[in-house]
Amino acid sequence: MFRVVDKICYNKDQGYSILLVLVIVGAIAVAIATSLLLVGANLSKNSLLLQQSYQARHLTNACAEEALQQMKGSLPFVGYGSLNFSLGTCGYFVTNTGGQTRNIQASSTVGVVVRKLEIDVTKIKPQIILSSWQEVADF
């Protein structure tokens, strides 16, 4: 079905083909744009969680150091304490495991991230000696 208009040949079916190609290309472009937006949102969320995890680790270390300072200042120290920071909170619990040995459990929370640390102390005086300092999933 060709028509001659001003000596130019047109195919009526060619317009439908071009329109169909444009719709398909548009759908692919929308799918790619949506995928990129979703990936960007997930990366942003993961970045925030990673930052909170680092902050929680530092707060946990701060509470563990505070517990060690308390023990150094007072040999019979056992008990608990906490510290509040603008980023979050942390707490520690010191138990006497016999003689000069102690166990410290420290944890912190920043946002939804919780980090926990367990420390075993083998000697307090004249200087503190640690046998382990490790992050744990649970106490």
N, C-alpha and C. Protein backbone atom coordinates (compact mmCIF):
# COMPACT_ATOMS: atom_id res chain seq x y z
N MET A 1 0.82 -1.18 0.00
CA MET A 1 0.00 0.00 0.00
C MET A 1 0.87 1.24 0.00
N PHE A 2 1.17 1.70 -1.10
CA PHE A 2 1.96 2.91 -1.22
C PHE A 2 1.09 4.00 -1.80
N ARG A 3 1.34 5.19 -1.29
CA ARG A 3 0.67 6.36 -1.85
C ARG A 3 1.73 7.29 -2.36
N VAL A 4 1.44 7.92 -3.38
CA VAL A 4 2.36 8.90 -3.92
C VAL A 4 1.81 10.27 -3.58
N VAL A 5 2.55 10.97 -2.76
CA VAL A 5 2.16 12.32 -2.39
C VAL A 5 3.33 13.21 -2.75
N ASP A 6 3.11 14.12 -3.62
CA ASP A 6 4.16 14.99 -4.12
C ASP A 6 5.38 14.19 -4.55
N LYS A 7 5.15 13.14 -5.19
CA LYS A 7 6.18 12.27 -5.74
C LYS A 7 7.07 11.64 -4.67
N ILE A 8 6.56 11.48 -3.43
CA ILE A 8 7.29 10.80 -2.36
C ILE A 8 6.47 9.59 -1.97
N CYS A 9 7.12 8.46 -1.81
CA CYS A 9 6.42 7.24 -1.46
C CYS A 9 6.42 7.07 0.06
N TYR A 10 5.26 6.77 0.60
CA TYR A 10 5.11 6.53 2.05
C TYR A 10 4.51 5.16 2.25
N ASN A 11 4.96 4.51 3.29
CA ASN A 11 4.40 3.23 3.67
C ASN A 11 3.64 3.46 4.97
N LYS A 12 2.32 3.19 4.98
CA LYS A 12 1.51 3.43 6.16
C LYS A 12 1.93 2.54 7.33
N ASP A 13 2.39 1.34 7.06
CA ASP A 13 2.79 0.42 8.13
C ASP A 13 4.09 0.84 8.80
N GLN A 14 4.90 1.63 8.13
CA GLN A 14 6.18 2.05 8.70
C GLN A 14 5.97 2.94 9.92
N GLY A 15 4.97 3.75 9.98
CA GLY A 15 4.68 4.60 11.14
C GLY A 15 4.38 3.77 12.38
N TYR A 16 3.63 2.67 12.21
CA TYR A 16 3.33 1.80 13.34
C TYR A 16 4.60 1.12 13.86
N SER A 17 5.46 0.75 12.98
CA SER A 17 6.72 0.10 13.39
C SER A 17 7.58 1.06 14.19
N ILE A 18 7.69 2.29 13.75
CA ILE A 18 8.50 3.28 14.46
C ILE A 18 7.88 3.56 15.83
N LEU A 19 6.56 3.67 15.89
CA LEU A 19 5.89 3.90 17.16
C LEU A 19 6.12 2.73 18.12
N LEU A 20 6.05 1.51 17.62
CA LEU A 20 6.29 0.33 18.45
C LEU A 20 7.73 0.31 18.96
N VAL A 21 8.69 0.64 18.13
CA VAL A 21 10.10 0.70 18.55
C VAL A 21 10.28 1.76 19.62
N LEU A 22 9.65 2.92 19.47
CA LEU A 22 9.76 3.98 20.47
C LEU A 22 9.15 3.55 21.81
N VAL A 23 8.04 2.85 21.79
CA VAL A 23 7.43 2.36 23.03
C VAL A 23 8.35 1.35 23.71
N ILE A 24 8.94 0.45 22.96
CA ILE A 24 9.85 -0.55 23.53
C ILE A 24 11.09 0.12 24.11
N VAL A 25 11.69 1.05 23.38
CA VAL A 25 12.88 1.76 23.86
C VAL A 25 12.54 2.56 25.11
N GLY A 26 11.37 3.18 25.14
CA GLY A 26 10.94 3.93 26.31
C GLY A 26 10.77 3.03 27.52
N ALA A 27 10.18 1.85 27.32
CA ALA A 27 10.00 0.91 28.42
C ALA A 27 11.34 0.43 28.96
N ILE A 28 12.28 0.19 28.08
CA ILE A 28 13.63 -0.23 28.52
C ILE A 28 14.30 0.91 29.29
N ALA A 29 14.16 2.13 28.82
CA ALA A 29 14.75 3.27 29.52
C ALA A 29 14.15 3.45 30.91
N VAL A 30 12.83 3.28 31.03
CA VAL A 30 12.17 3.39 32.34
C VAL A 30 12.66 2.27 33.27
N ALA A 31 12.82 1.07 32.75
CA ALA A 31 13.30 -0.05 33.57
C ALA A 31 14.72 0.21 34.06
N ILE A 32 15.58 0.72 33.20
CA ILE A 32 16.96 1.02 33.60
C ILE A 32 16.98 2.14 34.64
N ALA A 33 16.20 3.19 34.44
CA ALA A 33 16.15 4.29 35.40
C ALA A 33 15.65 3.82 36.75
N THR A 34 14.62 2.98 36.76
CA THR A 34 14.07 2.45 38.02
C THR A 34 15.11 1.59 38.73
N SER A 35 15.82 0.75 37.99
CA SER A 35 16.86 -0.08 38.57
C SER A 35 17.96 0.77 39.20
N LEU A 36 18.38 1.81 38.50
CA LEU A 36 19.42 2.68 39.04
C LEU A 36 18.96 3.39 40.31
N LEU A 37 17.71 3.82 40.35
CA LEU A 37 17.19 4.46 41.56
C LEU A 37 17.15 3.48 42.74
N LEU A 38 16.73 2.25 42.50
CA LEU A 38 16.68 1.25 43.56
C LEU A 38 18.08 0.89 44.06
N VAL A 39 19.01 0.73 43.14
CA VAL A 39 20.40 0.44 43.54
C VAL A 39 20.96 1.60 44.35
N GLY A 40 20.72 2.82 43.93
CA GLY A 40 21.19 3.99 44.67
C GLY A 40 20.60 4.06 46.06
N ALA A 41 19.33 3.75 46.20
CA ALA A 41 18.69 3.77 47.52
C ALA A 41 19.29 2.71 48.42
N ASN A 42 19.54 1.51 47.88
CA ASN A 42 20.15 0.44 48.69
C ASN A 42 21.57 0.79 49.09
N LEU A 43 22.33 1.39 48.19
CA LEU A 43 23.69 1.81 48.53
C LEU A 43 23.68 2.85 49.63
N SER A 44 22.75 3.77 49.57
CA SER A 44 22.65 4.80 50.59
C SER A 44 22.31 4.19 51.95
N LYS A 45 21.39 3.24 51.96
CA LYS A 45 21.00 2.58 53.21
C LYS A 45 22.17 1.78 53.78
N ASN A 46 22.88 1.04 52.92
CA ASN A 46 24.03 0.27 53.37
C ASN A 46 25.14 1.17 53.89
N SER A 47 25.34 2.30 53.26
CA SER A 47 26.35 3.24 53.71
C SER A 47 26.03 3.76 55.10
N LEU A 48 24.77 4.07 55.36
CA LEU A 48 24.36 4.54 56.68
C LEU A 48 24.58 3.46 57.73
N LEU A 49 24.21 2.22 57.42
CA LEU A 49 24.41 1.12 58.37
C LEU A 49 25.89 0.88 58.65
N LEU A 50 26.71 0.99 57.63
CA LEU A 50 28.15 0.81 57.81
C LEU A 50 28.72 1.90 58.71
N GLN A 51 28.30 3.13 58.50
CA GLN A 51 28.74 4.24 59.33
C GLN A 51 28.29 4.03 60.78
N GLN A 52 27.06 3.61 60.99
CA GLN A 52 26.57 3.35 62.34
C GLN A 52 27.34 2.20 62.99
N SER A 53 27.72 1.21 62.20
CA SER A 53 28.48 0.09 62.72
C SER A 53 29.85 0.54 63.22
N TYR A 54 30.53 1.39 62.45
CA TYR A 54 31.83 1.93 62.88
C TYR A 54 31.67 2.75 64.16
N GLN A 55 30.65 3.57 64.21
CA GLN A 55 30.43 4.40 65.39
C GLN A 55 30.14 3.53 66.61
N ALA A 56 29.33 2.49 66.44
CA ALA A 56 29.02 1.59 67.55
C ALA A 56 30.27 0.87 68.04
N ARG A 57 31.13 0.48 67.12
CA ARG A 57 32.38 -0.18 67.52
C ARG A 57 33.24 0.74 68.37
N HIS A 58 33.33 2.01 67.97
CA HIS A 58 34.13 2.97 68.74
C HIS A 58 33.51 3.24 70.11
N LEU A 59 32.20 3.29 70.18
CA LEU A 59 31.55 3.48 71.48
C LEU A 59 31.77 2.28 72.39
N THR A 60 31.71 1.08 71.82
CA THR A 60 31.96 -0.12 72.61
C THR A 60 33.38 -0.12 73.16
N ASN A 61 34.33 0.26 72.33
CA ASN A 61 35.72 0.36 72.80
C ASN A 61 35.85 1.41 73.89
N ALA A 62 35.13 2.51 73.77
CA ALA A 62 35.18 3.56 74.79
C ALA A 62 34.67 3.04 76.12
N CYS A 63 33.58 2.28 76.12
CA CYS A 63 33.06 1.71 77.36
C CYS A 63 34.01 0.68 77.94
N ALA A 64 34.63 -0.12 77.09
CA ALA A 64 35.60 -1.10 77.58
C ALA A 64 36.79 -0.39 78.24
N GLU A 65 37.26 0.68 77.62
CA GLU A 65 38.36 1.46 78.20
C GLU A 65 37.94 2.08 79.53
N GLU A 66 36.71 2.54 79.61
CA GLU A 66 36.19 3.11 80.86
C GLU A 66 36.17 2.04 81.96
N ALA A 67 35.76 0.83 81.62
CA ALA A 67 35.76 -0.26 82.59
C ALA A 67 37.17 -0.56 83.07
N LEU A 68 38.13 -0.56 82.15
CA LEU A 68 39.53 -0.79 82.54
C LEU A 68 40.04 0.32 83.46
N GLN A 69 39.64 1.55 83.18
CA GLN A 69 40.04 2.67 84.05
C GLN A 69 39.43 2.51 85.45
N GLN A 70 38.18 2.10 85.52
CA GLN A 70 37.54 1.88 86.81
C GLN A 70 38.26 0.79 87.59
N MET A 71 38.67 -0.27 86.91
CA MET A 71 39.37 -1.36 87.57
C MET A 71 40.75 -0.90 88.05
N LYS A 72 41.41 -0.11 87.24
CA LYS A 72 42.74 0.38 87.61
C LYS A 72 42.66 1.29 88.84
N GLY A 73 41.61 2.07 88.93
CA GLY A 73 41.44 2.98 90.06
C GLY A 73 41.02 2.28 91.33
N SER A 74 40.35 1.14 91.20
CA SER A 74 39.85 0.43 92.37
C SER A 74 39.94 -1.07 92.10
N LEU A 75 40.92 -1.73 92.76
CA LEU A 75 41.16 -3.15 92.53
C LEU A 75 39.91 -4.01 92.73
N PRO A 76 39.11 -3.78 93.75
CA PRO A 76 37.95 -4.67 93.91
C PRO A 76 36.76 -4.29 93.03
N PHE A 77 36.94 -3.40 92.06
CA PHE A 77 35.80 -2.94 91.27
C PHE A 77 35.14 -4.07 90.51
N VAL A 78 33.85 -4.21 90.70
CA VAL A 78 32.97 -5.05 89.89
C VAL A 78 31.66 -4.28 89.78
N GLY A 79 30.93 -4.54 88.77
CA GLY A 79 29.66 -3.84 88.60
C GLY A 79 29.47 -3.38 87.17
N TYR A 80 28.66 -2.36 87.03
CA TYR A 80 28.33 -1.91 85.69
C TYR A 80 28.38 -0.39 85.62
N GLY A 81 28.39 0.09 84.41
CA GLY A 81 28.37 1.52 84.16
C GLY A 81 27.94 1.77 82.73
N SER A 82 27.69 3.02 82.42
CA SER A 82 27.29 3.37 81.06
C SER A 82 27.79 4.76 80.73
N LEU A 83 27.88 5.01 79.45
CA LEU A 83 28.28 6.32 78.94
C LEU A 83 27.26 6.74 77.89
N ASN A 84 26.94 8.02 77.88
CA ASN A 84 26.03 8.55 76.87
C ASN A 84 26.79 9.51 75.97
N PHE A 85 26.63 9.33 74.70
CA PHE A 85 27.26 10.19 73.70
C PHE A 85 26.17 10.72 72.78
N SER A 86 26.52 11.71 71.99
CA SER A 86 25.53 12.24 71.05
C SER A 86 25.17 11.21 69.98
N LEU A 87 26.09 10.29 69.67
CA LEU A 87 25.84 9.28 68.64
C LEU A 87 25.01 8.11 69.14
N GLY A 88 25.13 7.81 70.44
CA GLY A 88 24.44 6.66 70.99
C GLY A 88 24.87 6.42 72.42
N THR A 89 24.60 5.22 72.91
CA THR A 89 24.94 4.87 74.28
C THR A 89 25.76 3.59 74.30
N CYS A 90 26.50 3.42 75.39
CA CYS A 90 27.22 2.17 75.59
C CYS A 90 27.19 1.83 77.07
N GLY A 91 27.38 0.56 77.36
CA GLY A 91 27.40 0.10 78.74
C GLY A 91 28.41 -1.00 78.92
N TYR A 92 28.83 -1.22 80.17
CA TYR A 92 29.77 -2.28 80.46
C TYR A 92 29.39 -2.96 81.76
N PHE A 93 29.82 -4.20 81.89
CA PHE A 93 29.56 -5.00 83.08
C PHE A 93 30.84 -5.75 83.41
N VAL A 94 31.35 -5.57 84.63
CA VAL A 94 32.60 -6.19 85.06
C VAL A 94 32.27 -7.24 86.12
N THR A 95 32.76 -8.46 85.91
CA THR A 95 32.58 -9.52 86.91
C THR A 95 33.93 -10.03 87.37
N ASN A 96 34.01 -10.39 88.64
CA ASN A 96 35.22 -10.96 89.23
C ASN A 96 35.20 -12.46 88.96
N THR A 97 36.23 -12.95 88.29
CA THR A 97 36.31 -14.38 87.99
C THR A 97 37.34 -15.07 88.88
N GLY A 98 37.76 -14.38 89.94
CA GLY A 98 38.69 -14.97 90.91
C GLY A 98 40.01 -14.24 90.96
N GLY A 99 40.45 -13.85 92.16
CA GLY A 99 41.72 -13.15 92.33
C GLY A 99 41.71 -11.82 91.60
N GLN A 100 42.72 -11.62 90.77
CA GLN A 100 42.79 -10.39 90.00
C GLN A 100 42.22 -10.56 88.59
N THR A 101 41.58 -11.66 88.31
CA THR A 101 41.01 -11.86 86.97
C THR A 101 39.60 -11.29 86.91
N ARG A 102 39.31 -10.67 85.80
CA ARG A 102 38.00 -10.05 85.59
C ARG A 102 37.52 -10.35 84.18
N ASN A 103 36.23 -10.26 84.01
CA ASN A 103 35.60 -10.37 82.69
C ASN A 103 34.81 -9.10 82.46
N ILE A 104 35.02 -8.48 81.31
CA ILE A 104 34.31 -7.25 80.95
C ILE A 104 33.44 -7.54 79.74
N GLN A 105 32.18 -7.17 79.85
CA GLN A 105 31.26 -7.25 78.72
C GLN A 105 30.81 -5.83 78.42
N ALA A 106 31.11 -5.35 77.23
CA ALA A 106 30.73 -4.00 76.82
C ALA A 106 29.88 -4.08 75.56
N SER A 107 28.91 -3.21 75.48
CA SER A 107 28.07 -3.16 74.28
C SER A 107 27.62 -1.74 74.03
N SER A 108 27.27 -1.48 72.78
CA SER A 108 26.78 -0.14 72.41
C SER A 108 25.72 -0.28 71.33
N THR A 109 24.93 0.79 71.23
CA THR A 109 23.88 0.84 70.22
C THR A 109 23.93 2.20 69.54
N VAL A 110 23.99 2.17 68.23
CA VAL A 110 23.89 3.39 67.41
C VAL A 110 22.85 3.10 66.35
N GLY A 111 21.75 3.82 66.39
CA GLY A 111 20.65 3.55 65.46
C GLY A 111 20.11 2.15 65.71
N VAL A 112 20.20 1.30 64.71
CA VAL A 112 19.74 -0.08 64.85
C VAL A 112 20.90 -1.06 65.01
N VAL A 113 22.13 -0.55 65.02
CA VAL A 113 23.32 -1.39 65.08
C VAL A 113 23.74 -1.59 66.53
N VAL A 114 23.97 -2.84 66.92
CA VAL A 114 24.45 -3.19 68.26
C VAL A 114 25.78 -3.92 68.09
N ARG A 115 26.80 -3.47 68.83
CA ARG A 115 28.11 -4.14 68.82
C ARG A 115 28.43 -4.57 70.24
N LYS A 116 29.03 -5.76 70.40
CA LYS A 116 29.35 -6.31 71.71
C LYS A 116 30.81 -6.75 71.75
N LEU A 117 31.40 -6.57 72.92
CA LEU A 117 32.82 -6.85 73.11
C LEU A 117 33.00 -7.57 74.43
N GLU A 118 33.86 -8.58 74.44
CA GLU A 118 34.15 -9.30 75.68
C GLU A 118 35.66 -9.29 75.90
N ILE A 119 36.07 -8.94 77.12
CA ILE A 119 37.48 -8.81 77.46
C ILE A 119 37.76 -9.66 78.70
N ASP A 120 38.83 -10.43 78.65
CA ASP A 120 39.27 -11.18 79.81
C ASP A 120 40.56 -10.56 80.33
N VAL A 121 40.56 -10.20 81.61
CA VAL A 121 41.70 -9.58 82.27
C VAL A 121 42.32 -10.63 83.19
N THR A 122 43.64 -10.85 83.05
CA THR A 122 44.32 -11.85 83.88
C THR A 122 45.01 -11.22 85.08
N LYS A 123 45.33 -9.94 85.01
CA LYS A 123 46.01 -9.28 86.12
C LYS A 123 45.69 -7.80 86.08
N ILE A 124 45.51 -7.20 87.28
CA ILE A 124 45.18 -5.78 87.36
C ILE A 124 46.35 -4.96 87.87
N LYS A 125 47.00 -5.41 88.95
CA LYS A 125 48.10 -4.65 89.54
C LYS A 125 49.40 -5.38 89.32
N PRO A 126 50.51 -4.77 89.08
CA PRO A 126 50.77 -3.33 88.99
C PRO A 126 50.32 -2.74 87.66
N GLN A 127 50.11 -3.58 86.65
CA GLN A 127 49.55 -3.09 85.39
C GLN A 127 48.54 -4.09 84.88
N ILE A 128 47.61 -3.60 84.09
CA ILE A 128 46.55 -4.47 83.58
C ILE A 128 47.10 -5.34 82.44
N ILE A 129 46.83 -6.63 82.55
CA ILE A 129 47.22 -7.58 81.50
C ILE A 129 45.95 -8.26 80.99
N LEU A 130 45.77 -8.20 79.68
CA LEU A 130 44.59 -8.79 79.05
C LEU A 130 44.95 -10.11 78.39
N SER A 131 44.06 -11.08 78.51
CA SER A 131 44.28 -12.34 77.79
C SER A 131 43.48 -12.39 76.50
N SER A 132 42.38 -11.65 76.43
CA SER A 132 41.63 -11.59 75.17
C SER A 132 40.81 -10.31 75.11
N TRP A 133 40.59 -9.86 73.89
CA TRP A 133 39.78 -8.67 73.58
C TRP A 133 39.12 -9.00 72.26
N GLN A 134 37.88 -9.42 72.30
CA GLN A 134 37.25 -9.85 71.05
C GLN A 134 35.79 -9.43 70.96
N GLU A 135 35.38 -9.16 69.73
CA GLU A 135 33.99 -8.84 69.48
C GLU A 135 33.21 -10.15 69.43
N VAL A 136 32.04 -10.14 70.04
CA VAL A 136 31.22 -11.34 70.12
C VAL A 136 29.81 -11.05 69.58
N ALA A 137 29.12 -12.10 69.18
CA ALA A 137 27.75 -11.94 68.70
C ALA A 137 26.79 -11.75 69.87
N ASP A 138 27.06 -12.47 70.96
CA ASP A 138 26.21 -12.37 72.13
C ASP A 138 27.00 -12.81 73.35
N PHE A 139 26.56 -12.38 74.52
CA PHE A 139 27.25 -12.74 75.77
C PHE A 139 26.70 -14.03 76.32
